[in-house]
Amino acid sequence: MNERRHFSRVAFDADAVLTTTEDRLAVKVIDLSLKGALLRQCAALPVSAGAPCLVEVKLGDLRIAMAAEIAHVHGDQIGVLCRSIDIESITHLRRLIEVNLGDARLLERELKALISGA
């Protein structure tokens, strides 16, 4: 399989909510990146690729919220592509990824790629 990923994924176990134009779904986070997330559905509900959504990840008293698009659905897994994120959420996400990557240079490279539209 040809790997096209430009952003590091960080395995992460957290509760989240996926809101679509039709439903509000409880999901589990499998992993996060600066460009999106992989989620696990708690109950099989109809979601389709291309649909706009909002993802809210709970981190204790903090939260990460991103406006996204459903990129793919495979079984109980939903991949979402981040379309926009507020400054507070990207700050929390950046810190989470930095701590888990253990390499600030790699994170800086990814942030530059994100800003340049890679």
N, C-alpha and C. Protein backbone atom coordinates (compact mmCIF):
# COMPACT_ATOMS: atom_id res chain seq x y z
N MET A 1 0.84 -1.19 0.00
CA MET A 1 0.00 0.00 0.00
C MET A 1 0.88 1.24 0.00
N ASN A 2 0.60 2.18 -0.86
CA ASN A 2 1.38 3.41 -0.96
C ASN A 2 0.91 4.40 0.10
N GLU A 3 1.77 4.71 1.05
CA GLU A 3 1.43 5.61 2.16
C GLU A 3 1.57 7.06 1.69
N ARG A 4 0.49 7.82 1.76
CA ARG A 4 0.49 9.22 1.32
C ARG A 4 0.45 10.18 2.48
N ARG A 5 0.51 9.70 3.68
CA ARG A 5 0.33 10.53 4.87
C ARG A 5 1.49 11.52 5.03
N HIS A 6 1.16 12.80 5.23
CA HIS A 6 2.16 13.84 5.46
C HIS A 6 2.25 14.26 6.91
N PHE A 7 1.30 13.83 7.73
CA PHE A 7 1.24 14.26 9.12
C PHE A 7 1.25 13.04 10.04
N SER A 8 2.04 13.14 11.10
CA SER A 8 2.15 12.04 12.05
C SER A 8 0.85 11.84 12.80
N ARG A 9 0.50 10.57 12.97
CA ARG A 9 -0.68 10.23 13.76
C ARG A 9 -0.23 9.89 15.17
N VAL A 10 -1.03 10.29 16.12
CA VAL A 10 -0.75 9.99 17.52
C VAL A 10 -1.90 9.13 18.04
N ALA A 11 -1.56 7.91 18.47
CA ALA A 11 -2.60 7.06 19.05
C ALA A 11 -3.14 7.74 20.30
N PHE A 12 -4.45 7.73 20.41
CA PHE A 12 -5.08 8.47 21.50
C PHE A 12 -6.40 7.82 21.83
N ASP A 13 -6.64 7.56 23.09
CA ASP A 13 -7.88 6.93 23.53
C ASP A 13 -8.69 7.97 24.29
N ALA A 14 -9.74 8.47 23.65
CA ALA A 14 -10.58 9.49 24.30
C ALA A 14 -11.99 9.41 23.74
N ASP A 15 -12.93 9.90 24.53
CA ASP A 15 -14.31 10.03 24.06
C ASP A 15 -14.40 11.28 23.20
N ALA A 16 -15.29 11.23 22.23
CA ALA A 16 -15.52 12.39 21.37
C ALA A 16 -16.96 12.36 20.89
N VAL A 17 -17.35 13.46 20.28
CA VAL A 17 -18.67 13.56 19.68
C VAL A 17 -18.48 13.98 18.23
N LEU A 18 -19.14 13.27 17.34
CA LEU A 18 -19.14 13.59 15.92
C LEU A 18 -20.54 14.10 15.58
N THR A 19 -20.62 15.35 15.16
CA THR A 19 -21.91 15.94 14.82
C THR A 19 -21.97 16.12 13.31
N THR A 20 -22.99 15.51 12.70
CA THR A 20 -23.22 15.67 11.26
C THR A 20 -24.49 16.51 11.09
N THR A 21 -24.88 16.72 9.87
CA THR A 21 -26.11 17.47 9.62
C THR A 21 -27.34 16.66 10.03
N GLU A 22 -27.15 15.34 10.22
CA GLU A 22 -28.26 14.45 10.56
C GLU A 22 -28.26 13.98 12.01
N ASP A 23 -27.09 13.76 12.58
CA ASP A 23 -26.99 13.10 13.89
C ASP A 23 -25.87 13.69 14.75
N ARG A 24 -25.94 13.32 16.00
CA ARG A 24 -24.87 13.60 16.97
C ARG A 24 -24.47 12.24 17.52
N LEU A 25 -23.23 11.80 17.21
CA LEU A 25 -22.79 10.44 17.51
C LEU A 25 -21.70 10.42 18.57
N ALA A 26 -21.82 9.51 19.53
CA ALA A 26 -20.74 9.27 20.48
C ALA A 26 -19.72 8.38 19.76
N VAL A 27 -18.45 8.80 19.78
CA VAL A 27 -17.38 8.05 19.13
C VAL A 27 -16.19 7.97 20.07
N LYS A 28 -15.24 7.12 19.71
CA LYS A 28 -13.97 7.00 20.42
C LYS A 28 -12.87 7.43 19.45
N VAL A 29 -11.89 8.15 19.94
CA VAL A 29 -10.75 8.55 19.12
C VAL A 29 -9.76 7.39 19.08
N ILE A 30 -9.35 7.02 17.89
CA ILE A 30 -8.29 6.02 17.71
C ILE A 30 -6.95 6.73 17.59
N ASP A 31 -6.91 7.76 16.73
CA ASP A 31 -5.71 8.58 16.63
C ASP A 31 -6.05 9.97 16.12
N LEU A 32 -5.11 10.89 16.34
CA LEU A 32 -5.25 12.29 15.94
C LEU A 32 -4.02 12.72 15.17
N SER A 33 -4.19 13.68 14.29
CA SER A 33 -3.07 14.35 13.62
C SER A 33 -3.45 15.81 13.46
N LEU A 34 -2.53 16.59 12.95
CA LEU A 34 -2.84 18.00 12.70
C LEU A 34 -3.87 18.15 11.59
N LYS A 35 -4.07 17.12 10.81
CA LYS A 35 -4.95 17.22 9.65
C LYS A 35 -6.24 16.44 9.79
N GLY A 36 -6.45 15.74 10.93
CA GLY A 36 -7.70 15.01 11.08
C GLY A 36 -7.65 13.99 12.20
N ALA A 37 -8.55 13.02 12.11
CA ALA A 37 -8.65 12.01 13.16
C ALA A 37 -9.23 10.72 12.59
N LEU A 38 -8.95 9.64 13.30
CA LEU A 38 -9.59 8.37 13.01
C LEU A 38 -10.44 8.04 14.23
N LEU A 39 -11.71 7.78 13.99
CA LEU A 39 -12.68 7.58 15.06
C LEU A 39 -13.31 6.20 14.96
N ARG A 40 -13.80 5.69 16.08
CA ARG A 40 -14.54 4.43 16.10
C ARG A 40 -15.97 4.73 16.55
N GLN A 41 -16.92 4.28 15.73
CA GLN A 41 -18.34 4.45 16.07
C GLN A 41 -18.70 3.56 17.25
N CYS A 42 -19.46 4.07 18.17
CA CYS A 42 -19.95 3.26 19.29
C CYS A 42 -21.19 2.48 18.88
N ALA A 43 -21.91 2.98 17.90
CA ALA A 43 -23.08 2.30 17.35
C ALA A 43 -23.09 2.58 15.85
N ALA A 44 -23.38 1.57 15.07
CA ALA A 44 -23.37 1.74 13.61
C ALA A 44 -24.48 2.69 13.18
N LEU A 45 -24.08 3.83 12.70
CA LEU A 45 -25.03 4.82 12.21
C LEU A 45 -24.61 5.25 10.82
N PRO A 46 -25.55 5.65 10.00
CA PRO A 46 -25.22 6.01 8.62
C PRO A 46 -24.47 7.34 8.52
N VAL A 47 -23.22 7.27 8.12
CA VAL A 47 -22.44 8.46 7.79
C VAL A 47 -21.77 8.15 6.46
N SER A 48 -21.56 9.16 5.65
CA SER A 48 -20.97 8.91 4.34
C SER A 48 -19.83 9.87 4.04
N ALA A 49 -18.89 9.39 3.25
CA ALA A 49 -17.74 10.19 2.85
C ALA A 49 -18.20 11.46 2.16
N GLY A 50 -17.49 12.54 2.45
CA GLY A 50 -17.80 13.84 1.86
C GLY A 50 -18.71 14.70 2.70
N ALA A 51 -19.35 14.11 3.71
CA ALA A 51 -20.29 14.87 4.54
C ALA A 51 -19.54 15.79 5.50
N PRO A 52 -20.01 17.02 5.67
CA PRO A 52 -19.39 17.92 6.66
C PRO A 52 -19.75 17.45 8.06
N CYS A 53 -18.86 17.74 9.01
CA CYS A 53 -19.11 17.34 10.39
C CYS A 53 -18.31 18.22 11.35
N LEU A 54 -18.60 18.07 12.61
CA LEU A 54 -17.85 18.72 13.67
C LEU A 54 -17.37 17.62 14.61
N VAL A 55 -16.09 17.64 14.96
CA VAL A 55 -15.53 16.66 15.88
C VAL A 55 -15.12 17.41 17.15
N GLU A 56 -15.59 16.92 18.29
CA GLU A 56 -15.24 17.49 19.58
C GLU A 56 -14.63 16.38 20.44
N VAL A 57 -13.34 16.57 20.80
CA VAL A 57 -12.62 15.59 21.61
C VAL A 57 -12.52 16.14 23.02
N LYS A 58 -12.88 15.32 23.99
CA LYS A 58 -12.85 15.75 25.38
C LYS A 58 -11.52 15.37 26.01
N LEU A 59 -10.86 16.35 26.62
CA LEU A 59 -9.57 16.14 27.30
C LEU A 59 -9.67 16.68 28.72
N GLY A 60 -10.40 15.99 29.55
CA GLY A 60 -10.63 16.50 30.90
C GLY A 60 -11.42 17.79 30.82
N ASP A 61 -10.84 18.89 31.33
CA ASP A 61 -11.50 20.19 31.27
C ASP A 61 -11.30 20.88 29.93
N LEU A 62 -10.41 20.35 29.11
CA LEU A 62 -10.13 20.94 27.81
C LEU A 62 -10.85 20.19 26.71
N ARG A 63 -10.93 20.83 25.55
CA ARG A 63 -11.50 20.14 24.40
C ARG A 63 -10.83 20.62 23.12
N ILE A 64 -10.83 19.73 22.16
CA ILE A 64 -10.36 20.06 20.82
C ILE A 64 -11.58 19.95 19.91
N ALA A 65 -11.88 21.02 19.19
CA ALA A 65 -13.02 21.01 18.27
C ALA A 65 -12.53 21.39 16.89
N MET A 66 -12.94 20.60 15.90
CA MET A 66 -12.56 20.92 14.52
C MET A 66 -13.74 20.72 13.59
N ALA A 67 -13.88 21.64 12.66
CA ALA A 67 -14.84 21.47 11.58
C ALA A 67 -14.14 20.56 10.58
N ALA A 68 -14.83 19.52 10.15
CA ALA A 68 -14.16 18.50 9.34
C ALA A 68 -15.08 18.00 8.24
N GLU A 69 -14.54 17.05 7.49
CA GLU A 69 -15.28 16.37 6.44
C GLU A 69 -14.99 14.88 6.60
N ILE A 70 -16.01 14.07 6.47
CA ILE A 70 -15.79 12.63 6.56
C ILE A 70 -15.04 12.19 5.31
N ALA A 71 -13.84 11.65 5.52
CA ALA A 71 -12.99 11.23 4.42
C ALA A 71 -13.30 9.80 3.98
N HIS A 72 -13.56 8.92 4.95
CA HIS A 72 -13.87 7.53 4.63
C HIS A 72 -14.56 6.86 5.81
N VAL A 73 -15.27 5.81 5.50
CA VAL A 73 -15.92 4.98 6.52
C VAL A 73 -15.62 3.53 6.16
N HIS A 74 -14.98 2.80 7.09
CA HIS A 74 -14.66 1.39 6.89
C HIS A 74 -15.09 0.64 8.15
N GLY A 75 -16.17 -0.12 8.03
CA GLY A 75 -16.68 -0.84 9.20
C GLY A 75 -17.10 0.15 10.26
N ASP A 76 -16.51 0.00 11.45
CA ASP A 76 -16.87 0.92 12.55
C ASP A 76 -15.91 2.11 12.64
N GLN A 77 -15.00 2.26 11.68
CA GLN A 77 -14.03 3.36 11.71
C GLN A 77 -14.42 4.47 10.74
N ILE A 78 -14.26 5.70 11.23
CA ILE A 78 -14.56 6.89 10.44
C ILE A 78 -13.31 7.77 10.41
N GLY A 79 -12.81 8.05 9.22
CA GLY A 79 -11.69 8.98 9.06
C GLY A 79 -12.23 10.35 8.74
N VAL A 80 -11.74 11.36 9.45
CA VAL A 80 -12.19 12.73 9.19
C VAL A 80 -11.00 13.61 8.84
N LEU A 81 -11.22 14.52 7.93
CA LEU A 81 -10.22 15.47 7.46
C LEU A 81 -10.57 16.84 8.01
N CYS A 82 -9.66 17.42 8.77
CA CYS A 82 -9.88 18.73 9.38
C CYS A 82 -9.94 19.80 8.29
N ARG A 83 -10.98 20.61 8.31
CA ARG A 83 -11.12 21.73 7.38
C ARG A 83 -10.83 23.06 8.06
N SER A 84 -11.15 23.17 9.36
CA SER A 84 -10.80 24.38 10.12
C SER A 84 -10.80 24.04 11.60
N ILE A 85 -9.99 24.82 12.34
CA ILE A 85 -9.85 24.58 13.77
C ILE A 85 -9.54 25.91 14.44
N ASP A 86 -10.12 26.14 15.61
CA ASP A 86 -9.89 27.40 16.30
C ASP A 86 -8.52 27.40 16.97
N ILE A 87 -8.04 28.57 17.34
CA ILE A 87 -6.69 28.73 17.88
C ILE A 87 -6.50 27.96 19.19
N GLU A 88 -7.50 27.95 20.05
CA GLU A 88 -7.38 27.23 21.31
C GLU A 88 -7.27 25.72 21.07
N SER A 89 -8.08 25.20 20.15
CA SER A 89 -8.05 23.77 19.85
C SER A 89 -6.74 23.37 19.20
N ILE A 90 -6.23 24.18 18.26
CA ILE A 90 -4.97 23.81 17.60
C ILE A 90 -3.82 23.89 18.59
N THR A 91 -3.90 24.78 19.56
CA THR A 91 -2.87 24.87 20.60
C THR A 91 -2.86 23.59 21.43
N HIS A 92 -4.04 23.11 21.84
CA HIS A 92 -4.12 21.87 22.61
C HIS A 92 -3.65 20.68 21.77
N LEU A 93 -4.08 20.64 20.51
CA LEU A 93 -3.69 19.54 19.63
C LEU A 93 -2.19 19.54 19.38
N ARG A 94 -1.63 20.70 19.15
CA ARG A 94 -0.19 20.81 18.93
C ARG A 94 0.58 20.28 20.15
N ARG A 95 0.17 20.68 21.32
CA ARG A 95 0.85 20.23 22.55
C ARG A 95 0.72 18.72 22.73
N LEU A 96 -0.45 18.19 22.48
CA LEU A 96 -0.68 16.75 22.58
C LEU A 96 0.23 15.98 21.62
N ILE A 97 0.31 16.44 20.39
CA ILE A 97 1.15 15.77 19.39
C ILE A 97 2.63 15.92 19.74
N GLU A 98 3.02 17.11 20.17
CA GLU A 98 4.42 17.36 20.55
C GLU A 98 4.86 16.42 21.67
N VAL A 99 4.04 16.27 22.69
CA VAL A 99 4.38 15.40 23.81
C VAL A 99 4.49 13.95 23.35
N ASN A 100 3.58 13.53 22.48
CA ASN A 100 3.58 12.14 22.04
C ASN A 100 4.63 11.83 20.98
N LEU A 101 4.99 12.79 20.15
CA LEU A 101 6.03 12.57 19.15
C LEU A 101 7.42 12.58 19.78
N GLY A 102 7.60 13.44 20.77
CA GLY A 102 8.90 13.55 21.41
C GLY A 102 9.94 14.23 20.54
N ASP A 103 9.53 14.86 19.44
CA ASP A 103 10.47 15.51 18.53
C ASP A 103 9.85 16.83 18.05
N ALA A 104 10.26 17.91 18.68
CA ALA A 104 9.70 19.23 18.35
C ALA A 104 10.00 19.63 16.91
N ARG A 105 11.16 19.18 16.37
CA ARG A 105 11.50 19.53 14.97
C ARG A 105 10.53 18.91 13.98
N LEU A 106 10.13 17.66 14.25
CA LEU A 106 9.17 17.00 13.38
C LEU A 106 7.83 17.73 13.42
N LEU A 107 7.40 18.13 14.60
CA LEU A 107 6.15 18.87 14.73
C LEU A 107 6.23 20.21 13.99
N GLU A 108 7.35 20.91 14.12
CA GLU A 108 7.50 22.19 13.42
C GLU A 108 7.42 22.01 11.90
N ARG A 109 8.02 20.93 11.39
CA ARG A 109 7.96 20.63 9.96
C ARG A 109 6.50 20.40 9.54
N GLU A 110 5.76 19.66 10.35
CA GLU A 110 4.36 19.38 10.05
C GLU A 110 3.51 20.64 10.10
N LEU A 111 3.78 21.52 11.06
CA LEU A 111 3.03 22.77 11.14
C LEU A 111 3.30 23.64 9.91
N LYS A 112 4.53 23.67 9.46
CA LYS A 112 4.85 24.45 8.25
C LYS A 112 4.14 23.87 7.05
N ALA A 113 4.10 22.54 6.95
CA ALA A 113 3.39 21.88 5.85
C ALA A 113 1.89 22.18 5.91
N LEU A 114 1.34 22.19 7.11
CA LEU A 114 -0.08 22.49 7.29
C LEU A 114 -0.39 23.91 6.83
N ILE A 115 0.45 24.84 7.23
CA ILE A 115 0.25 26.26 6.88
C ILE A 115 0.40 26.48 5.38
N SER A 116 1.35 25.74 4.76
CA SER A 116 1.58 25.92 3.32
C SER A 116 0.55 25.18 2.47
N GLY A 117 -0.32 24.39 3.13
CA GLY A 117 -1.39 23.72 2.39
C GLY A 117 -1.03 22.35 1.87
N ALA A 118 -0.02 21.70 2.44
CA ALA A 118 0.38 20.35 1.97
C ALA A 118 -0.66 19.32 2.30
